[in-house]
Amino acid sequence: MVLSDRRLVVVAFVLLVVFWGSSFPVIKVALGYSPPVLFAGARTLLCGLLVLPAALMWGGDANLRRDWAVHLLLAAFNVVGFMGLQTLAILYMPSGPAAVVIYVQPILVGLLGYLFLGEQLSTAKVVGLLLGFFGVVAVSVGSFSGASLGTPLGVVIGLGSAVAWTLGTVYFKKYGERLSITWAVAGQFALGGVFLTGFGFVLESVSAVSLTGRFLASLLYVALAGTALAWVLWLGLVRAGEASRVAAYVFFVPLVSILLGVLFLNEALSFWLLAGAALIVLGTYLVNRKQPAIG
């Protein structure tokens, strides 16, 4: 999947924002019916199984003997690290604040893109990195002050999720060119899903899962739209341009998550949440803005 047509890129970004932004409140709902690790495992394993037929039909030669390490590391970063910790963060925080903290990732991608991919680090990007840091600080202050932003532990877990996703994005940009998009999604999510599901069986009780219609609908939505389709779009967009530029456009995701959380889950808005979201949004804009490089 190569996204080169400008109109196709715009449509892909809009769908990606909608899928990911709506996934946070849907996951929050699902966690009322399932322990977090088992849900993360079921979600990611189902995603891998859904994309696998497409990979077999259209993904070309998988060449697992050559690329097994790439699949394994992508699974470790993007599935076990990012998806696993994302689910735990949403457990300990409202869905909107969790999205704000995790979506500091575009700013981290700008930093690692400079360090490892040779992408330019402009003055605007440096300012953007600092604003993103202060945005996370604002949400953290809100969590400590009891401003309905969850717990400090949730903020720490959310940051861990963002770091894992950042590493996975930069690693894919550097080493994932030889993988087709469908194999990149199917491989990492099948492997990571097996690990998370097995880990869930060890840590949690299967009897704690309540197979209600609401839970099954939530699971299917986040597995198909929020994970499988969204990650095909995401990796296609990463491959189409600079990692930092592509990542910066997804700053709309936490805004969508905040809005949906307020409208449908009665999550509270607070000064610290709005301040943190504004700083992170501005930071991602500056990371994306073209400026003369330093030095």
Protein backbone atom coordinates (compact mmCIF):
# COMPACT_ATOMS: atom_id res chain seq x y z
CA MET A 1 0.00 0.00 0.00
CA VAL A 2 1.65 3.24 -1.16
CA LEU A 3 -0.18 6.49 -0.60
CA SER A 4 0.93 9.01 -3.21
CA ASP A 5 -2.27 10.71 -4.41
CA ARG A 6 -2.96 13.80 -2.27
CA ARG A 7 -6.70 13.19 -2.07
CA LEU A 8 -6.14 9.60 -0.99
CA VAL A 9 -3.76 10.78 1.72
CA VAL A 10 -6.37 13.23 3.08
CA VAL A 11 -9.07 10.53 3.17
CA ALA A 12 -6.64 8.14 4.89
CA PHE A 13 -5.82 10.71 7.58
CA VAL A 14 -9.50 11.47 8.24
CA LEU A 15 -10.36 7.78 8.60
CA LEU A 16 -7.33 7.19 10.80
CA VAL A 17 -8.27 10.02 13.15
CA VAL A 18 -11.88 8.81 13.39
CA PHE A 19 -10.90 5.18 13.98
CA TRP A 20 -8.25 5.91 16.60
CA GLY A 21 -10.08 8.78 18.27
CA SER A 22 -13.24 6.71 18.77
CA SER A 23 -11.28 3.67 19.99
CA PHE A 24 -10.35 5.23 23.35
CA PRO A 25 -13.90 5.61 24.70
CA VAL A 26 -14.89 2.25 23.19
CA ILE A 27 -11.99 0.56 25.00
CA LYS A 28 -13.08 2.30 28.21
CA VAL A 29 -16.52 0.72 27.79
CA ALA A 30 -15.05 -2.72 27.05
CA LEU A 31 -12.90 -2.65 30.19
CA GLY A 32 -16.08 -2.67 32.22
CA TYR A 33 -16.59 -6.25 31.01
CA SER A 34 -13.05 -7.66 30.76
CA PRO A 35 -9.68 -7.56 32.56
CA PRO A 36 -7.22 -5.33 30.66
CA VAL A 37 -4.56 -7.80 29.50
CA LEU A 38 -7.05 -10.36 28.24
CA PHE A 39 -8.88 -7.61 26.35
CA ALA A 40 -5.66 -6.27 24.83
CA GLY A 41 -4.70 -9.81 23.81
CA ALA A 42 -8.08 -10.58 22.26
CA ARG A 43 -8.13 -7.27 20.42
CA THR A 44 -4.66 -7.60 18.91
CA LEU A 45 -4.86 -11.32 18.14
CA LEU A 46 -8.20 -10.82 16.39
CA CYS A 47 -6.65 -7.97 14.39
CA GLY A 48 -3.79 -10.22 13.27
CA LEU A 49 -6.20 -12.97 12.23
CA LEU A 50 -8.40 -10.51 10.33
CA VAL A 51 -5.49 -9.09 8.32
CA LEU A 52 -3.75 -12.44 7.72
CA PRO A 53 -6.00 -13.51 4.77
CA ALA A 54 -5.31 -10.17 3.06
CA ALA A 55 -1.58 -10.66 3.61
CA LEU A 56 -1.71 -14.17 2.14
CA MET A 57 -3.64 -12.99 -0.93
CA TRP A 58 -2.03 -9.62 -1.65
CA GLY A 59 1.03 -9.28 0.56
CA GLY A 60 3.45 -11.24 -1.60
CA ASP A 61 6.19 -13.45 -0.17
CA ALA A 62 6.34 -13.14 3.62
CA ASN A 63 9.97 -14.39 3.75
CA LEU A 64 9.75 -15.09 7.47
CA ARG A 65 13.21 -16.66 7.55
CA ARG A 66 14.70 -13.31 6.58
CA ASP A 67 12.30 -10.97 8.39
CA TRP A 68 11.34 -12.82 11.59
CA ALA A 69 13.35 -10.43 13.77
CA VAL A 70 11.61 -7.40 12.24
CA HIS A 71 8.18 -8.89 12.93
CA LEU A 72 9.23 -9.82 16.46
CA LEU A 73 10.51 -6.35 17.35
CA LEU A 74 7.50 -4.64 15.79
CA ALA A 75 5.29 -6.93 17.90
CA ALA A 76 7.28 -6.04 21.02
CA PHE A 77 7.11 -2.28 20.43
CA ASN A 78 3.72 -1.75 18.78
CA VAL A 79 1.62 -4.53 20.29
CA VAL A 80 2.96 -5.68 23.65
CA GLY A 81 4.40 -2.29 24.59
CA PHE A 82 2.04 0.18 22.96
CA MET A 83 -1.29 -1.70 22.92
CA GLY A 84 -0.76 -3.45 26.24
CA LEU A 85 0.20 -0.28 28.10
CA GLN A 86 -2.44 1.76 26.26
CA THR A 87 -5.15 -0.52 27.64
CA LEU A 88 -3.78 -0.24 31.17
CA ALA A 89 -3.58 3.55 30.86
CA ILE A 90 -7.25 3.70 29.84
CA LEU A 91 -8.07 1.51 32.85
CA TYR A 92 -6.45 4.02 35.23
CA MET A 93 -7.55 7.21 33.45
CA PRO A 94 -10.61 8.58 31.64
CA SER A 95 -10.35 7.91 27.92
CA GLY A 96 -9.77 11.56 26.93
CA PRO A 97 -6.81 12.26 29.25
CA ALA A 98 -5.29 8.88 28.38
CA ALA A 99 -5.38 9.82 24.70
CA VAL A 100 -3.77 13.19 25.42
CA VAL A 101 -0.82 11.59 27.24
CA ILE A 102 -0.32 8.76 24.73
CA TYR A 103 -0.49 11.14 21.78
CA VAL A 104 2.65 12.91 22.86
CA GLN A 105 4.04 10.19 20.56
CA PRO A 106 4.15 12.41 17.43
CA ILE A 107 6.50 14.74 19.30
CA LEU A 108 8.73 11.87 20.40
CA VAL A 109 8.82 10.62 16.80
CA GLY A 110 10.16 14.03 15.77
CA LEU A 111 13.02 13.67 18.26
CA LEU A 112 13.91 10.08 17.36
CA GLY A 113 13.48 10.84 13.65
CA TYR A 114 16.29 13.37 14.08
CA LEU A 115 18.47 11.04 16.16
CA PHE A 116 18.11 7.86 14.10
CA LEU A 117 16.60 8.69 10.68
CA GLY A 118 18.56 11.80 9.78
CA GLU A 119 15.44 13.97 9.64
CA GLN A 120 15.99 17.70 10.21
CA LEU A 121 15.60 19.18 13.70
CA SER A 122 14.45 22.77 13.26
CA THR A 123 14.02 25.47 15.88
CA ALA A 124 10.25 24.96 15.64
CA LYS A 125 10.66 21.24 16.33
CA VAL A 126 12.72 21.96 19.44
CA VAL A 127 10.03 24.34 20.71
CA GLY A 128 7.39 21.74 19.83
CA LEU A 129 9.22 19.08 21.84
CA LEU A 130 9.31 21.38 24.86
CA LEU A 131 5.62 22.27 24.54
CA GLY A 132 4.73 18.60 24.35
CA PHE A 133 6.71 17.95 27.52
CA PHE A 134 4.88 20.74 29.35
CA GLY A 135 1.58 19.39 28.04
CA VAL A 136 2.26 16.05 29.71
CA VAL A 137 3.30 17.93 32.86
CA ALA A 138 -0.06 19.74 32.84
CA VAL A 139 -2.02 16.48 32.65
CA SER A 140 0.22 15.02 35.36
CA VAL A 141 -0.46 17.97 37.64
CA GLY A 142 -4.17 17.47 37.04
CA SER A 143 -3.91 13.81 38.02
CA PHE A 144 -2.11 14.70 41.26
CA SER A 145 -4.60 17.47 42.08
CA GLY A 146 -7.63 15.22 41.69
CA ALA A 147 -8.95 17.07 38.64
CA SER A 148 -10.73 13.98 37.21
CA LEU A 149 -7.73 13.07 35.05
CA GLY A 150 -7.11 9.65 36.55
CA THR A 151 -4.11 8.60 38.61
CA PRO A 152 -0.40 9.46 38.38
CA LEU A 153 0.20 5.76 37.68
CA GLY A 154 -2.05 6.08 34.63
CA VAL A 155 0.03 9.00 33.35
CA VAL A 156 3.25 7.00 33.75
CA ILE A 157 1.74 3.98 31.97
CA GLY A 158 0.45 6.24 29.19
CA LEU A 159 3.92 7.70 28.68
CA GLY A 160 5.35 4.19 28.53
CA SER A 161 2.80 3.37 25.84
CA ALA A 162 3.81 6.49 23.86
CA VAL A 163 7.51 5.61 24.10
CA ALA A 164 6.90 2.04 22.91
CA TRP A 165 4.83 3.28 19.96
CA THR A 166 7.51 5.83 19.10
CA LEU A 167 10.18 3.12 19.00
CA GLY A 168 7.93 0.95 16.83
CA THR A 169 7.25 3.79 14.37
CA VAL A 170 10.91 4.73 13.97
CA TYR A 171 11.95 1.08 13.73
CA PHE A 172 9.38 0.43 10.99
CA LYS A 173 10.52 3.50 9.08
CA LYS A 174 14.16 2.35 9.26
CA TYR A 175 13.84 -1.42 8.81
CA GLY A 176 10.31 -2.19 7.63
CA GLU A 177 10.62 -1.17 3.98
CA ARG A 178 11.08 -4.78 2.88
CA LEU A 179 7.72 -5.79 4.43
CA SER A 180 4.41 -5.33 2.67
CA ILE A 181 1.95 -3.30 4.75
CA THR A 182 -0.43 -6.23 5.17
CA TRP A 183 2.34 -8.56 6.36
CA ALA A 184 3.69 -5.87 8.67
CA VAL A 185 0.26 -5.59 10.36
CA ALA A 186 -0.63 -9.31 10.32
CA GLY A 187 2.78 -10.45 11.56
CA GLN A 188 3.23 -8.11 14.49
CA PHE A 189 -0.36 -8.31 15.69
CA ALA A 190 -0.58 -12.09 15.45
CA LEU A 191 2.68 -12.50 17.37
CA GLY A 192 1.95 -9.78 19.90
CA GLY A 193 -1.64 -10.93 20.30
CA VAL A 194 -0.54 -14.49 21.12
CA PHE A 195 1.87 -13.16 23.75
CA LEU A 196 -0.63 -10.77 25.36
CA THR A 197 -3.38 -13.39 25.38
CA GLY A 198 -1.09 -15.95 26.98
CA PHE A 199 0.07 -13.36 29.51
CA GLY A 200 -3.57 -12.56 30.26
CA PHE A 201 -4.37 -16.22 30.92
CA VAL A 202 -1.56 -16.31 33.48
CA LEU A 203 -2.36 -13.00 35.22
CA GLU A 204 -6.13 -12.78 34.98
CA SER A 205 -9.24 -14.93 35.26
CA VAL A 206 -11.13 -15.79 32.09
CA SER A 207 -14.30 -16.01 34.19
CA ALA A 208 -14.01 -12.24 34.74
CA VAL A 209 -14.83 -11.66 31.05
CA SER A 210 -18.53 -10.91 30.55
CA LEU A 211 -19.54 -11.83 27.01
CA THR A 212 -22.34 -9.30 26.66
CA GLY A 213 -23.44 -7.84 23.36
CA ARG A 214 -21.94 -4.49 24.35
CA PHE A 215 -18.56 -6.07 25.07
CA LEU A 216 -18.51 -8.09 21.84
CA ALA A 217 -19.49 -5.05 19.77
CA SER A 218 -16.73 -3.02 21.45
CA LEU A 219 -14.16 -5.76 20.85
CA LEU A 220 -15.08 -6.15 17.19
CA TYR A 221 -14.98 -2.39 16.60
CA VAL A 222 -11.56 -1.80 18.13
CA ALA A 223 -10.12 -4.96 16.54
CA LEU A 224 -11.41 -4.24 13.02
CA ALA A 225 -11.67 -0.45 12.68
CA GLY A 226 -9.51 0.79 15.55
CA THR A 227 -6.68 -1.67 14.99
CA ALA A 228 -6.67 -3.62 11.69
CA LEU A 229 -7.90 -0.92 9.29
CA ALA A 230 -6.28 1.91 11.22
CA TRP A 231 -2.86 0.26 11.30
CA VAL A 232 -2.92 -0.52 7.58
CA LEU A 233 -3.59 3.20 7.04
CA TRP A 234 -0.99 4.27 9.61
CA LEU A 235 1.88 2.20 8.26
CA GLY A 236 0.99 3.20 4.71
CA LEU A 237 1.16 6.86 5.74
CA VAL A 238 4.44 6.39 7.60
CA ARG A 239 5.93 4.76 4.52
CA ALA A 240 4.70 7.61 2.31
CA GLY A 241 6.58 10.43 4.08
CA GLU A 242 8.87 11.52 6.88
CA ALA A 243 8.03 9.71 10.10
CA SER A 244 7.80 12.93 12.10
CA ARG A 245 5.59 14.70 9.52
CA VAL A 246 3.19 11.77 9.24
CA ALA A 247 2.96 11.33 13.02
CA ALA A 248 2.24 15.02 13.61
CA TYR A 249 -1.08 14.92 11.74
CA VAL A 250 -2.63 12.54 14.26
CA PHE A 251 -2.79 15.24 16.96
CA PHE A 252 -6.51 15.40 16.17
CA VAL A 253 -6.98 11.96 17.74
CA PRO A 254 -6.93 13.05 21.41
CA LEU A 255 -9.28 15.93 20.57
CA VAL A 256 -11.77 13.46 19.10
CA SER A 257 -11.32 11.18 22.14
CA ILE A 258 -11.91 14.05 24.57
CA LEU A 259 -15.08 15.11 22.74
CA LEU A 260 -16.51 11.58 22.59
CA GLY A 261 -15.60 10.92 26.22
CA VAL A 262 -17.43 14.05 27.32
CA LEU A 263 -20.48 13.37 25.14
CA PHE A 264 -20.96 9.64 25.73
CA LEU A 265 -19.09 8.72 28.94
CA ASN A 266 -19.76 11.88 30.94
CA GLU A 267 -16.03 12.48 31.37
CA ALA A 268 -15.18 15.84 32.91
CA LEU A 269 -13.32 18.69 31.27
CA SER A 270 -10.79 20.48 33.45
CA PHE A 271 -8.34 23.32 33.08
CA TRP A 272 -5.36 20.95 33.28
CA LEU A 273 -6.76 18.65 30.60
CA LEU A 274 -7.50 21.53 28.22
CA ALA A 275 -4.11 23.13 28.91
CA GLY A 276 -2.26 19.86 28.37
CA ALA A 277 -4.16 19.10 25.18
CA ALA A 278 -3.53 22.60 23.82
CA LEU A 279 0.21 22.41 24.53
CA ILE A 280 0.54 18.97 22.91
CA VAL A 281 -1.49 20.01 19.86
CA LEU A 282 0.63 23.13 19.42
CA GLY A 283 3.79 21.09 19.94
CA THR A 284 2.85 18.60 17.25
CA TYR A 285 2.05 21.43 14.86
CA LEU A 286 5.47 22.95 15.41
CA VAL A 287 7.18 19.57 15.03
CA ASN A 288 5.47 19.28 11.65
CA ARG A 289 6.11 22.87 10.53
CA LYS A 290 8.96 23.33 8.07
CA GLN A 291 11.72 25.60 9.33
CA PRO A 292 15.44 26.00 8.59
CA ALA A 293 17.45 23.29 10.30
CA ILE A 294 19.67 24.11 13.29
CA GLY A 295 23.31 24.19 12.35
